[in-house]
Amino acid sequence: MYGSKRRTEEIRALRKLGGQWLKKQRETVGLSQREIAKEVGLPYYTFVSQVEGGTARVPQEHYEIWARALNIPIVTFAREMLKYYDPIIFALLFSAGASQTSQHDRKVA
């Protein structure tokens, strides 16, 4: 039970960091929450507030439109979201040993 509670707290903390990153990107391009909501096709800006506060996530199928609205390359945006939303997969793909694993996988295939 304790491990589960601790994991939940870690997830919340990471989402909050992800939200802070998104807020910084939004502010860098000079958009308000209402403006970014309009840019990405949201009917309410409150979802942007929830994402930036760490209580909601940007759906994966919307990464491209968010990246475009924030003037960020899609690969960069997706990598950052993965870092905050799925840190285990992020570590597997981008850790120092990931390139060695990729080379091994190519040899096996």
PDB file of N, CA and C in Angstrom:
ATOM      1  N   MET A   1       0.817  -1.197   0.000  1.00  0.00           N
ATOM      2  CA  MET A   1       0.000   0.000   0.000  1.00  0.00           C
ATOM      3  C   MET A   1       0.859   1.258   0.000  1.00  0.00           C
ATOM      4  N   TYR A   2       1.913   1.275   0.825  1.00  0.00           N
ATOM      5  CA  TYR A   2       2.766   2.445   0.898  1.00  0.00           C
ATOM      6  C   TYR A   2       3.418   2.736  -0.446  1.00  0.00           C
ATOM      7  N   GLY A   3       3.902   1.683  -1.103  1.00  0.00           N
ATOM      8  CA  GLY A   3       4.532   1.862  -2.403  1.00  0.00           C
ATOM      9  C   GLY A   3       3.584   2.489  -3.405  1.00  0.00           C
ATOM     10  N   SER A   4       2.325   2.093  -3.364  1.00  0.00           N
ATOM     11  CA  SER A   4       1.324   2.635  -4.276  1.00  0.00           C
ATOM     12  C   SER A   4       1.082   4.118  -3.998  1.00  0.00           C
ATOM     13  N   LYS A   5       1.013   4.468  -2.719  1.00  0.00           N
ATOM     14  CA  LYS A   5       0.802   5.872  -2.346  1.00  0.00           C
ATOM     15  C   LYS A   5       2.000   6.708  -2.770  1.00  0.00           C
ATOM     16  N   ARG A   6       3.189   6.165  -2.556  1.00  0.00           N
ATOM     17  CA  ARG A   6       4.404   6.885  -2.942  1.00  0.00           C
ATOM     18  C   ARG A   6       4.450   7.082  -4.449  1.00  0.00           C
ATOM     19  N   ARG A   7       4.090   6.052  -5.199  1.00  0.00           N
ATOM     20  CA  ARG A   7       4.078   6.146  -6.667  1.00  0.00           C
ATOM     21  C   ARG A   7       3.087   7.219  -7.129  1.00  0.00           C
ATOM     22  N   THR A   8       1.923   7.270  -6.503  1.00  0.00           N
ATOM     23  CA  THR A   8       0.917   8.272  -6.839  1.00  0.00           C
ATOM     24  C   THR A   8       1.460   9.675  -6.595  1.00  0.00           C
ATOM     25  N   GLU A   9       2.182   9.861  -5.506  1.00  0.00           N
ATOM     26  CA  GLU A   9       2.778  11.167  -5.199  1.00  0.00           C
ATOM     27  C   GLU A   9       3.845  11.535  -6.232  1.00  0.00           C
ATOM     28  N   GLU A  10       4.626  10.543  -6.663  1.00  0.00           N
ATOM     29  CA  GLU A  10       5.644  10.790  -7.689  1.00  0.00           C
ATOM     30  C   GLU A  10       4.994  11.201  -9.006  1.00  0.00           C
ATOM     31  N   ILE A  11       3.910  10.525  -9.365  1.00  0.00           N
ATOM     32  CA  ILE A  11       3.187  10.854 -10.602  1.00  0.00           C
ATOM     33  C   ILE A  11       2.664  12.281 -10.537  1.00  0.00           C
ATOM     34  N   ARG A  12       2.067  12.648  -9.409  1.00  0.00           N
ATOM     35  CA  ARG A  12       1.551  14.011  -9.253  1.00  0.00           C
ATOM     36  C   ARG A  12       2.665  15.042  -9.373  1.00  0.00           C
ATOM     37  N   ALA A  13       3.798  14.752  -8.735  1.00  0.00           N
ATOM     38  CA  ALA A  13       4.928  15.687  -8.779  1.00  0.00           C
ATOM     39  C   ALA A  13       5.439  15.848 -10.211  1.00  0.00           C
ATOM     40  N   LEU A  14       5.552  14.738 -10.946  1.00  0.00           N
ATOM     41  CA  LEU A  14       6.020  14.811 -12.336  1.00  0.00           C
ATOM     42  C   LEU A  14       5.036  15.574 -13.213  1.00  0.00           C
ATOM     43  N   ARG A  15       3.741  15.320 -13.025  1.00  0.00           N
ATOM     44  CA  ARG A  15       2.745  16.052 -13.820  1.00  0.00           C
ATOM     45  C   ARG A  15       2.804  17.545 -13.535  1.00  0.00           C
ATOM     46  N   LYS A  16       3.052  17.878 -12.273  1.00  0.00           N
ATOM     47  CA  LYS A  16       3.173  19.289 -11.920  1.00  0.00           C
ATOM     48  C   LYS A  16       4.379  19.920 -12.616  1.00  0.00           C
ATOM     49  N   LEU A  17       5.495  19.193 -12.639  1.00  0.00           N
ATOM     50  CA  LEU A  17       6.680  19.687 -13.347  1.00  0.00           C
ATOM     51  C   LEU A  17       6.400  19.827 -14.843  1.00  0.00           C
ATOM     52  N   GLY A  18       5.684  18.860 -15.400  1.00  0.00           N
ATOM     53  CA  GLY A  18       5.303  18.941 -16.807  1.00  0.00           C
ATOM     54  C   GLY A  18       4.418  20.144 -17.073  1.00  0.00           C
ATOM     55  N   GLY A  19       3.499  20.404 -16.167  1.00  0.00           N
ATOM     56  CA  GLY A  19       2.632  21.569 -16.288  1.00  0.00           C
ATOM     57  C   GLY A  19       3.413  22.868 -16.234  1.00  0.00           C
ATOM     58  N   GLN A  20       4.413  22.912 -15.351  1.00  0.00           N
ATOM     59  CA  GLN A  20       5.261  24.099 -15.258  1.00  0.00           C
ATOM     60  C   GLN A  20       6.049  24.304 -16.550  1.00  0.00           C
ATOM     61  N   TRP A  21       6.526  23.186 -17.126  1.00  0.00           N
ATOM     62  CA  TRP A  21       7.251  23.283 -18.398  1.00  0.00           C
ATOM     63  C   TRP A  21       6.333  23.838 -19.488  1.00  0.00           C
ATOM     64  N   LEU A  22       5.101  23.308 -19.556  1.00  0.00           N
ATOM     65  CA  LEU A  22       4.153  23.788 -20.567  1.00  0.00           C
ATOM     66  C   LEU A  22       3.822  25.267 -20.364  1.00  0.00           C
ATOM     67  N   LYS A  23       3.632  25.659 -19.120  1.00  0.00           N
ATOM     68  CA  LYS A  23       3.331  27.064 -18.835  1.00  0.00           C
ATOM     69  C   LYS A  23       4.473  27.958 -19.310  1.00  0.00           C
ATOM     70  N   LYS A  24       5.698  27.548 -19.040  1.00  0.00           N
ATOM     71  CA  LYS A  24       6.854  28.324 -19.478  1.00  0.00           C
ATOM     72  C   LYS A  24       6.882  28.448 -21.000  1.00  0.00           C
ATOM     73  N   GLN A  25       6.586  27.351 -21.699  1.00  0.00           N
ATOM     74  CA  GLN A  25       6.564  27.381 -23.166  1.00  0.00           C
ATOM     75  C   GLN A  25       5.458  28.309 -23.668  1.00  0.00           C
ATOM     76  N   ARG A  26       4.295  28.245 -23.025  1.00  0.00           N
ATOM     77  CA  ARG A  26       3.171  29.108 -23.412  1.00  0.00           C
ATOM     78  C   ARG A  26       3.534  30.572 -23.212  1.00  0.00           C
ATOM     79  N   GLU A  27       4.124  30.866 -22.079  1.00  0.00           N
ATOM     80  CA  GLU A  27       4.497  32.250 -21.794  1.00  0.00           C
ATOM     81  C   GLU A  27       5.601  32.733 -22.739  1.00  0.00           C
ATOM     82  N   THR A  28       6.491  31.829 -23.126  1.00  0.00           N
ATOM     83  CA  THR A  28       7.575  32.188 -24.052  1.00  0.00           C
ATOM     84  C   THR A  28       7.023  32.667 -25.391  1.00  0.00           C
ATOM     85  N   VAL A  29       5.943  32.032 -25.859  1.00  0.00           N
ATOM     86  CA  VAL A  29       5.354  32.463 -27.136  1.00  0.00           C
ATOM     87  C   VAL A  29       4.314  33.564 -26.945  1.00  0.00           C
ATOM     88  N   GLY A  30       4.108  33.981 -25.687  1.00  0.00           N
ATOM     89  CA  GLY A  30       3.240  35.121 -25.415  1.00  0.00           C
ATOM     90  C   GLY A  30       1.753  34.849 -25.485  1.00  0.00           C
ATOM     91  N   LEU A  31       1.348  33.608 -25.195  1.00  0.00           N
ATOM     92  CA  LEU A  31      -0.077  33.268 -25.229  1.00  0.00           C
ATOM     93  C   LEU A  31      -0.655  33.170 -23.827  1.00  0.00           C
ATOM     94  N   SER A  32      -1.887  33.620 -23.683  1.00  0.00           N
ATOM     95  CA  SER A  32      -2.615  33.419 -22.429  1.00  0.00           C
ATOM     96  C   SER A  32      -3.202  32.009 -22.435  1.00  0.00           C
ATOM     97  N   GLN A  33      -3.740  31.588 -21.312  1.00  0.00           N
ATOM     98  CA  GLN A  33      -4.395  30.277 -21.272  1.00  0.00           C
ATOM     99  C   GLN A  33      -5.575  30.239 -22.239  1.00  0.00           C
ATOM    100  N   ARG A  34      -6.318  31.313 -22.300  1.00  0.00           N
ATOM    101  CA  ARG A  34      -7.453  31.378 -23.235  1.00  0.00           C
ATOM    102  C   ARG A  34      -6.977  31.265 -24.684  1.00  0.00           C
ATOM    103  N   GLU A  35      -5.898  31.938 -24.997  1.00  0.00           N
ATOM    104  CA  GLU A  35      -5.385  31.927 -26.370  1.00  0.00           C
ATOM    105  C   GLU A  35      -4.858  30.552 -26.771  1.00  0.00           C
ATOM    106  N   ILE A  36      -4.127  29.898 -25.889  1.00  0.00           N
ATOM    107  CA  ILE A  36      -3.625  28.560 -26.225  1.00  0.00           C
ATOM    108  C   ILE A  36      -4.790  27.585 -26.349  1.00  0.00           C
ATOM    109  N   ALA A  37      -5.797  27.749 -25.502  1.00  0.00           N
ATOM    110  CA  ALA A  37      -6.984  26.882 -25.591  1.00  0.00           C
ATOM    111  C   ALA A  37      -7.626  27.026 -26.971  1.00  0.00           C
ATOM    112  N   LYS A  38      -7.741  28.239 -27.428  1.00  0.00           N
ATOM    113  CA  LYS A  38      -8.322  28.482 -28.750  1.00  0.00           C
ATOM    114  C   LYS A  38      -7.441  27.878 -29.843  1.00  0.00           C
ATOM    115  N   GLU A  39      -6.122  28.065 -29.726  1.00  0.00           N
ATOM    116  CA  GLU A  39      -5.171  27.540 -30.718  1.00  0.00           C
ATOM    117  C   GLU A  39      -5.255  26.018 -30.854  1.00  0.00           C
ATOM    118  N   VAL A  40      -5.464  25.323 -29.740  1.00  0.00           N
ATOM    119  CA  VAL A  40      -5.481  23.855 -29.779  1.00  0.00           C
ATOM    120  C   VAL A  40      -6.896  23.297 -29.891  1.00  0.00           C
ATOM    121  N   GLY A  41      -7.896  24.188 -30.000  1.00  0.00           N
ATOM    122  CA  GLY A  41      -9.267  23.742 -30.238  1.00  0.00           C
ATOM    123  C   GLY A  41     -10.034  23.314 -29.006  1.00  0.00           C
ATOM    124  N   LEU A  42      -9.669  23.863 -27.854  1.00  0.00           N
ATOM    125  CA  LEU A  42     -10.397  23.531 -26.632  1.00  0.00           C
ATOM    126  C   LEU A  42     -11.540  24.515 -26.422  1.00  0.00           C
ATOM    127  N   PRO A  43     -12.696  24.026 -26.001  1.00  0.00           N
ATOM    128  CA  PRO A  43     -13.812  24.939 -25.771  1.00  0.00           C
ATOM    129  C   PRO A  43     -13.645  25.768 -24.494  1.00  0.00           C
ATOM    130  N   TYR A  44     -12.825  25.280 -23.544  1.00  0.00           N
ATOM    131  CA  TYR A  44     -12.643  25.966 -22.269  1.00  0.00           C
ATOM    132  C   TYR A  44     -11.164  26.076 -21.926  1.00  0.00           C
ATOM    133  N   TYR A  45     -10.752  27.233 -21.465  1.00  0.00           N
ATOM    134  CA  TYR A  45      -9.353  27.423 -21.088  1.00  0.00           C
ATOM    135  C   TYR A  45      -9.031  26.725 -19.777  1.00  0.00           C
ATOM    136  N   THR A  46     -10.051  26.328 -19.026  1.00  0.00           N
ATOM    137  CA  THR A  46      -9.811  25.702 -17.727  1.00  0.00           C
ATOM    138  C   THR A  46      -9.021  24.401 -17.865  1.00  0.00           C
ATOM    139  N   PHE A  47      -9.126  23.724 -19.015  1.00  0.00           N
ATOM    140  CA  PHE A  47      -8.328  22.513 -19.220  1.00  0.00           C
ATOM    141  C   PHE A  47      -6.844  22.868 -19.247  1.00  0.00           C
ATOM    142  N   VAL A  48      -6.500  23.988 -19.854  1.00  0.00           N
ATOM    143  CA  VAL A  48      -5.104  24.425 -19.882  1.00  0.00           C
ATOM    144  C   VAL A  48      -4.626  24.660 -18.455  1.00  0.00           C
ATOM    145  N   SER A  49      -5.457  25.277 -17.654  1.00  0.00           N
ATOM    146  CA  SER A  49      -5.125  25.507 -16.248  1.00  0.00           C
ATOM    147  C   SER A  49      -4.898  24.186 -15.517  1.00  0.00           C
ATOM    148  N   GLN A  50      -5.733  23.196 -15.800  1.00  0.00           N
ATOM    149  CA  GLN A  50      -5.585  21.882 -15.162  1.00  0.00           C
ATOM    150  C   GLN A  50      -4.291  21.203 -15.605  1.00  0.00           C
ATOM    151  N   VAL A  51      -3.965  21.301 -16.883  1.00  0.00           N
ATOM    152  CA  VAL A  51      -2.721  20.711 -17.383  1.00  0.00           C
ATOM    153  C   VAL A  51      -1.526  21.398 -16.733  1.00  0.00           C
ATOM    154  N   GLU A  52      -1.554  22.719 -16.707  1.00  0.00           N
ATOM    155  CA  GLU A  52      -0.438  23.461 -16.123  1.00  0.00           C
ATOM    156  C   GLU A  52      -0.322  23.233 -14.620  1.00  0.00           C
ATOM    157  N   GLY A  53      -1.426  22.920 -13.974  1.00  0.00           N
ATOM    158  CA  GLY A  53      -1.411  22.634 -12.544  1.00  0.00           C
ATOM    159  C   GLY A  53      -1.070  21.193 -12.216  1.00  0.00           C
ATOM    160  N   GLY A  54      -1.000  20.366 -13.243  1.00  0.00           N
ATOM    161  CA  GLY A  54      -0.627  18.972 -13.039  1.00  0.00           C
ATOM    162  C   GLY A  54      -1.771  18.036 -12.728  1.00  0.00           C
ATOM    163  N   THR A  55      -3.008  18.522 -12.834  1.00  0.00           N
ATOM    164  CA  THR A  55      -4.146  17.647 -12.545  1.00  0.00           C
ATOM    165  C   THR A  55      -4.726  16.991 -13.788  1.00  0.00           C
ATOM    166  N   ALA A  56      -4.260  17.413 -14.963  1.00  0.00           N
ATOM    167  CA  ALA A  56      -4.703  16.809 -16.225  1.00  0.00           C
ATOM    168  C   ALA A  56      -3.486  16.652 -17.132  1.00  0.00           C
ATOM    169  N   ARG A  57      -3.645  15.845 -18.171  1.00  0.00           N
ATOM    170  CA  ARG A  57      -2.574  15.580 -19.139  1.00  0.00           C
ATOM    171  C   ARG A  57      -3.006  16.010 -20.525  1.00  0.00           C
ATOM    172  N   VAL A  58      -2.035  16.399 -21.314  1.00  0.00           N
ATOM    173  CA  VAL A  58      -2.307  16.627 -22.731  1.00  0.00           C
ATOM    174  C   VAL A  58      -2.464  15.247 -23.356  1.00  0.00           C
ATOM    175  N   PRO A  59      -3.594  14.961 -23.999  1.00  0.00           N
ATOM    176  CA  PRO A  59      -3.752  13.654 -24.646  1.00  0.00           C
ATOM    177  C   PRO A  59      -2.717  13.470 -25.759  1.00  0.00           C
ATOM    178  N   GLN A  60      -2.185  12.277 -25.878  1.00  0.00           N
ATOM    179  CA  GLN A  60      -1.143  12.001 -26.872  1.00  0.00           C
ATOM    180  C   GLN A  60      -1.574  12.357 -28.283  1.00  0.00           C
ATOM    181  N   GLU A  61      -2.829  12.126 -28.589  1.00  0.00           N
ATOM    182  CA  GLU A  61      -3.303  12.406 -29.946  1.00  0.00           C
ATOM    183  C   GLU A  61      -3.349  13.916 -30.236  1.00  0.00           C
ATOM    184  N   HIS A  62      -3.110  14.746 -29.216  1.00  0.00           N
ATOM    185  CA  HIS A  62      -3.111  16.199 -29.405  1.00  0.00           C
ATOM    186  C   HIS A  62      -1.715  16.808 -29.305  1.00  0.00           C
ATOM    187  N   TYR A  63      -0.696  15.986 -29.169  1.00  0.00           N
ATOM    188  CA  TYR A  63       0.674  16.498 -29.042  1.00  0.00           C
ATOM    189  C   TYR A  63       1.058  17.396 -30.214  1.00  0.00           C
ATOM    190  N   GLU A  64       0.721  16.983 -31.426  1.00  0.00           N
ATOM    191  CA  GLU A  64       1.139  17.740 -32.600  1.00  0.00           C
ATOM    192  C   GLU A  64       0.541  19.143 -32.620  1.00  0.00           C
ATOM    193  N   ILE A  65      -0.731  19.248 -32.303  1.00  0.00           N
ATOM    194  CA  ILE A  65      -1.374  20.568 -32.342  1.00  0.00           C
ATOM    195  C   ILE A  65      -0.846  21.469 -31.222  1.00  0.00           C
ATOM    196  N   TRP A  66      -0.572  20.877 -30.051  1.00  0.00           N
ATOM    197  CA  TRP A  66       0.022  21.666 -28.960  1.00  0.00           C
ATOM    198  C   TRP A  66       1.421  22.116 -29.353  1.00  0.00           C
ATOM    199  N   ALA A  67       2.201  21.224 -29.931  1.00  0.00           N
ATOM    200  CA  ALA A  67       3.567  21.572 -30.341  1.00  0.00           C
ATOM    201  C   ALA A  67       3.536  22.721 -31.342  1.00  0.00           C
ATOM    202  N   ARG A  68       2.636  22.637 -32.305  1.00  0.00           N
ATOM    203  CA  ARG A  68       2.512  23.697 -33.306  1.00  0.00           C
ATOM    204  C   ARG A  68       2.141  25.036 -32.654  1.00  0.00           C
ATOM    205  N   ALA A  69       1.167  24.978 -31.753  1.00  0.00           N
ATOM    206  CA  ALA A  69       0.711  26.208 -31.088  1.00  0.00           C
ATOM    207  C   ALA A  69       1.813  26.840 -30.242  1.00  0.00           C
ATOM    208  N   LEU A  70       2.680  26.002 -29.694  1.00  0.00           N
ATOM    209  CA  LEU A  70       3.771  26.499 -28.850  1.00  0.00           C
ATOM    210  C   LEU A  70       5.061  26.727 -29.623  1.00  0.00           C
ATOM    211  N   ASN A  71       5.006  26.481 -30.945  1.00  0.00           N
ATOM    212  CA  ASN A  71       6.166  26.667 -31.815  1.00  0.00           C
ATOM    213  C   ASN A  71       7.359  25.818 -31.351  1.00  0.00           C
ATOM    214  N   ILE A  72       7.071  24.555 -31.059  1.00  0.00           N
ATOM    215  CA  ILE A  72       8.078  23.604 -30.595  1.00  0.00           C
ATOM    216  C   ILE A  72       8.081  22.430 -31.573  1.00  0.00           C
ATOM    217  N   PRO A  73       9.247  21.926 -31.952  1.00  0.00           N
ATOM    218  CA  PRO A  73       9.270  20.727 -32.802  1.00  0.00           C
ATOM    219  C   PRO A  73       8.510  19.581 -32.118  1.00  0.00           C
ATOM    220  N   ILE A  74       7.737  18.839 -32.879  1.00  0.00           N
ATOM    221  CA  ILE A  74       6.906  17.773 -32.320  1.00  0.00           C
ATOM    222  C   ILE A  74       7.739  16.745 -31.551  1.00  0.00           C
ATOM    223  N   VAL A  75       8.922  16.435 -32.056  1.00  0.00           N
ATOM    224  CA  VAL A  75       9.780  15.458 -31.373  1.00  0.00           C
ATOM    225  C   VAL A  75      10.173  15.976 -29.989  1.00  0.00           C
ATOM    226  N   THR A  76      10.515  17.242 -29.912  1.00  0.00           N
ATOM    227  CA  THR A  76      10.881  17.846 -28.624  1.00  0.00           C
ATOM    228  C   THR A  76       9.687  17.829 -27.682  1.00  0.00           C
ATOM    229  N   PHE A  77       8.529  18.210 -28.191  1.00  0.00           N
ATOM    230  CA  PHE A  77       7.325  18.241 -27.364  1.00  0.00           C
ATOM    231  C   PHE A  77       6.995  16.835 -26.848  1.00  0.00           C
ATOM    232  N   ALA A  78       6.994  15.860 -27.737  1.00  0.00           N
ATOM    233  CA  ALA A  78       6.668  14.488 -27.345  1.00  0.00           C
ATOM    234  C   ALA A  78       7.675  13.949 -26.325  1.00  0.00           C
ATOM    235  N   ARG A  79       8.954  14.236 -26.531  1.00  0.00           N
ATOM    236  CA  ARG A  79       9.980  13.776 -25.584  1.00  0.00           C
ATOM    237  C   ARG A  79       9.756  14.390 -24.207  1.00  0.00           C
ATOM    238  N   GLU A  80       9.450  15.671 -24.158  1.00  0.00           N
ATOM    239  CA  GLU A  80       9.209  16.328 -22.868  1.00  0.00           C
ATOM    240  C   GLU A  80       7.972  15.749 -22.182  1.00  0.00           C
ATOM    241  N   MET A  81       6.912  15.547 -22.939  1.00  0.00           N
ATOM    242  CA  MET A  81       5.700  14.991 -22.339  1.00  0.00           C
ATOM    243  C   MET A  81       5.955  13.579 -21.819  1.00  0.00           C
ATOM    244  N   LEU A  82       6.715  12.806 -22.571  1.00  0.00           N
ATOM    245  CA  LEU A  82       7.059  11.451 -22.145  1.00  0.00           C
ATOM    246  C   LEU A  82       7.857  11.485 -20.841  1.00  0.00           C
ATOM    247  N   LYS A  83       8.748  12.449 -20.730  1.00  0.00           N
ATOM    248  CA  LYS A  83       9.558  12.584 -19.516  1.00  0.00           C
ATOM    249  C   LYS A  83       8.673  12.761 -18.284  1.00  0.00           C
ATOM    250  N   TYR A  84       7.621  13.545 -18.418  1.00  0.00           N
ATOM    251  CA  TYR A  84       6.759  13.842 -17.284  1.00  0.00           C
ATOM    252  C   TYR A  84       5.596  12.866 -17.120  1.00  0.00           C
ATOM    253  N   TYR A  85       5.088  12.348 -18.225  1.00  0.00           N
ATOM    254  CA  TYR A  85       3.905  11.493 -18.166  1.00  0.00           C
ATOM    255  C   TYR A  85       4.223  10.008 -18.107  1.00  0.00           C
ATOM    256  N   ASP A  86       5.362   9.605 -18.627  1.00  0.00           N
ATOM    257  CA  ASP A  86       5.731   8.185 -18.614  1.00  0.00           C
ATOM    258  C   ASP A  86       7.249   8.060 -18.449  1.00  0.00           C
ATOM    259  N   PRO A  87       7.743   8.363 -17.244  1.00  0.00           N
ATOM    260  CA  PRO A  87       9.187   8.419 -17.031  1.00  0.00           C
ATOM    261  C   PRO A  87       9.900   7.081 -17.212  1.00  0.00           C
ATOM    262  N   ILE A  88       9.220   5.981 -17.026  1.00  0.00           N
ATOM    263  CA  ILE A  88       9.858   4.671 -17.208  1.00  0.00           C
ATOM    264  C   ILE A  88      10.186   4.455 -18.681  1.00  0.00           C
ATOM    265  N   ILE A  89       9.226   4.700 -19.560  1.00  0.00           N
ATOM    266  CA  ILE A  89       9.464   4.569 -21.001  1.00  0.00           C
ATOM    267  C   ILE A  89      10.505   5.594 -21.440  1.00  0.00           C
ATOM    268  N   PHE A  90      10.420   6.806 -20.908  1.00  0.00           N
ATOM    269  CA  PHE A  90      11.409   7.841 -21.239  1.00  0.00           C
ATOM    270  C   PHE A  90      12.814   7.348 -20.925  1.00  0.00           C
ATOM    271  N   ALA A  91      12.994   6.799 -19.735  1.00  0.00           N
ATOM    272  CA  ALA A  91      14.311   6.308 -19.327  1.00  0.00           C
ATOM    273  C   ALA A  91      14.782   5.163 -20.222  1.00  0.00           C
ATOM    274  N   LEU A  92      13.871   4.278 -20.583  1.00  0.00           N
ATOM    275  CA  LEU A  92      14.243   3.174 -21.466  1.00  0.00           C
ATOM    276  C   LEU A  92      14.700   3.662 -22.838  1.00  0.00           C
ATOM    277  N   LEU A  93      14.050   4.680 -23.334  1.00  0.00           N
ATOM    278  CA  LEU A  93      14.368   5.186 -24.665  1.00  0.00           C
ATOM    279  C   LEU A  93      15.562   6.133 -24.692  1.00  0.00           C
ATOM    280  N   PHE A  94      15.735   6.931 -23.645  1.00  0.00           N
ATOM    281  CA  PHE A  94      16.701   8.012 -23.711  1.00  0.00           C
ATOM    282  C   PHE A  94      17.830   7.942 -22.689  1.00  0.00           C
ATOM    283  N   SER A  95      17.910   6.872 -21.929  1.00  0.00           N
ATOM    284  CA  SER A  95      19.012   6.758 -20.972  1.00  0.00           C
ATOM    285  C   SER A  95      20.298   6.429 -21.719  1.00  0.00           C
ATOM    286  N   ALA A  96      21.416   6.500 -21.034  1.00  0.00           N
ATOM    287  CA  ALA A  96      22.716   6.250 -21.663  1.00  0.00           C
ATOM    288  C   ALA A  96      22.782   4.864 -22.282  1.00  0.00           C
ATOM    289  N   GLY A  97      22.148   3.872 -21.664  1.00  0.00           N
ATOM    290  CA  GLY A  97      22.183   2.511 -22.182  1.00  0.00           C
ATOM    291  C   GLY A  97      21.208   2.257 -23.310  1.00  0.00           C
ATOM    292  N   ALA A  98      20.319   3.214 -23.593  1.00  0.00           N
ATOM    293  CA  ALA A  98      19.296   2.995 -24.621  1.00  0.00           C
ATOM    294  C   ALA A  98      19.911   2.800 -25.995  1.00  0.00           C
ATOM    295  N   SER A  99      20.959   3.542 -26.315  1.00  0.00           N
ATOM    296  CA  SER A  99      21.562   3.406 -27.645  1.00  0.00           C
ATOM    297  C   SER A  99      22.229   2.042 -27.791  1.00  0.00           C
ATOM    298  N   GLN A 100      22.810   1.526 -26.710  1.00  0.00           N
ATOM    299  CA  GLN A 100      23.411   0.199 -26.759  1.00  0.00           C
ATOM    300  C   GLN A 100      22.341  -0.864 -26.970  1.00  0.00           C
ATOM    301  N   THR A 101      21.212  -0.693 -26.293  1.00  0.00           N
ATOM    302  CA  THR A 101      20.115  -1.639 -26.451  1.00  0.00           C
ATOM    303  C   THR A 101      19.598  -1.618 -27.881  1.00  0.00           C
ATOM    304  N   SER A 102      19.490  -0.442 -28.455  1.00  0.00           N
ATOM    305  CA  SER A 102      19.004  -0.331 -29.826  1.00  0.00           C
ATOM    306  C   SER A 102      19.924  -1.062 -30.787  1.00  0.00           C
ATOM    307  N   GLN A 103      21.217  -0.927 -30.597  1.00  0.00           N
ATOM    308  CA  GLN A 103      22.171  -1.628 -31.459  1.00  0.00           C
ATOM    309  C   GLN A 103      22.023  -3.132 -31.288  1.00  0.00           C
ATOM    310  N   HIS A 104      21.844  -3.578 -30.054  1.00  0.00           N
ATOM    311  CA  HIS A 104      21.661  -5.001 -29.785  1.00  0.00           C
ATOM    312  C   HIS A 104      20.385  -5.507 -30.459  1.00  0.00           C
ATOM    313  N   ASP A 105      19.297  -4.740 -30.345  1.00  0.00           N
ATOM    314  CA  ASP A 105      18.031  -5.137 -30.944  1.00  0.00           C
ATOM    315  C   ASP A 105      18.154  -5.281 -32.455  1.00  0.00           C
ATOM    316  N   ARG A 106      18.936  -4.392 -33.094  1.00  0.00           N
ATOM    317  CA  ARG A 106      19.104  -4.472 -34.546  1.00  0.00           C
ATOM    318  C   ARG A 106      19.857  -5.756 -34.929  1.00  0.00           C
ATOM    319  N   LYS A 107      20.827  -6.136 -34.107  1.00  0.00           N
ATOM    320  CA  LYS A 107      21.596  -7.346 -34.383  1.00  0.00           C
ATOM    321  C   LYS A 107      20.730  -8.586 -34.247  1.00  0.00           C
ATOM    322  N   VAL A 108      19.843  -8.585 -33.234  1.00  0.00           N
ATOM    323  CA  VAL A 108      18.969  -9.734 -32.983  1.00  0.00           C
ATOM    324  C   VAL A 108      17.951  -9.871 -34.101  1.00  0.00           C
ATOM    325  N   ALA A 109      17.429  -8.745 -34.561  1.00  0.00           N
ATOM    326  CA  ALA A 109      16.398  -8.767 -35.611  1.00  0.00           C
ATOM    327  C   ALA A 109      16.986  -9.132 -36.903  1.00  0.00           C
TER     328      ALA A 109
END
